[in-house]
Amino acid sequence: MNLILDGKYGNWTLPPGCTIILSNNPNNGSYNVTDVDVAGADRKFTINLKPDINSWVMWASGNGIKEECINFLYKCPEVRDNPDAPSYRRWTQFFNAIKNLNLRNDVGNDDLTYVYNIGSIAVGSGNILAFKSFIANHL
């Protein structure tokens, strides 16, 4: 709290003009978090963000996410726009886990098993079946 309030932590001090940006998850039952008390809430601005596919595509394009993976999320709103959809962060973790696979050629059975096992944990088996179908059909 000293860092936020005074810009100091022990003997260390933030440079002049420095701004601290914090993030948190909402206390809506989906996360194991608690609300910030009134005193803490009074010391910050809160901005609620909503994920956006176009922003994610721009980010992913410059951060090593395979084109096939970007196209899948972009062209398949059913896996990203429903209330139970995995977050873009979860999809990104999955895409990073398979970044060394060559998805443009026929993926071998061992690779498909890997994709299914990792993906089922990361984003759910139904979403992975859709992803595998997307890749198999060279979409």
Foldseek 3Di string as FASTA:
>chain_A
DCCLPPQDDDPDHDDPPDDDDDDDDDPPVPDPDDDDDPVVVVSDDDDDDDDDLVVLLVVCVPPQQDPLLNCLVVVCVVQPPDPLHADVVLSVVLSVVLSPFDLQDDGDPVSLVVSQVSCCVRTRNVSSVSSVVSSVVVD
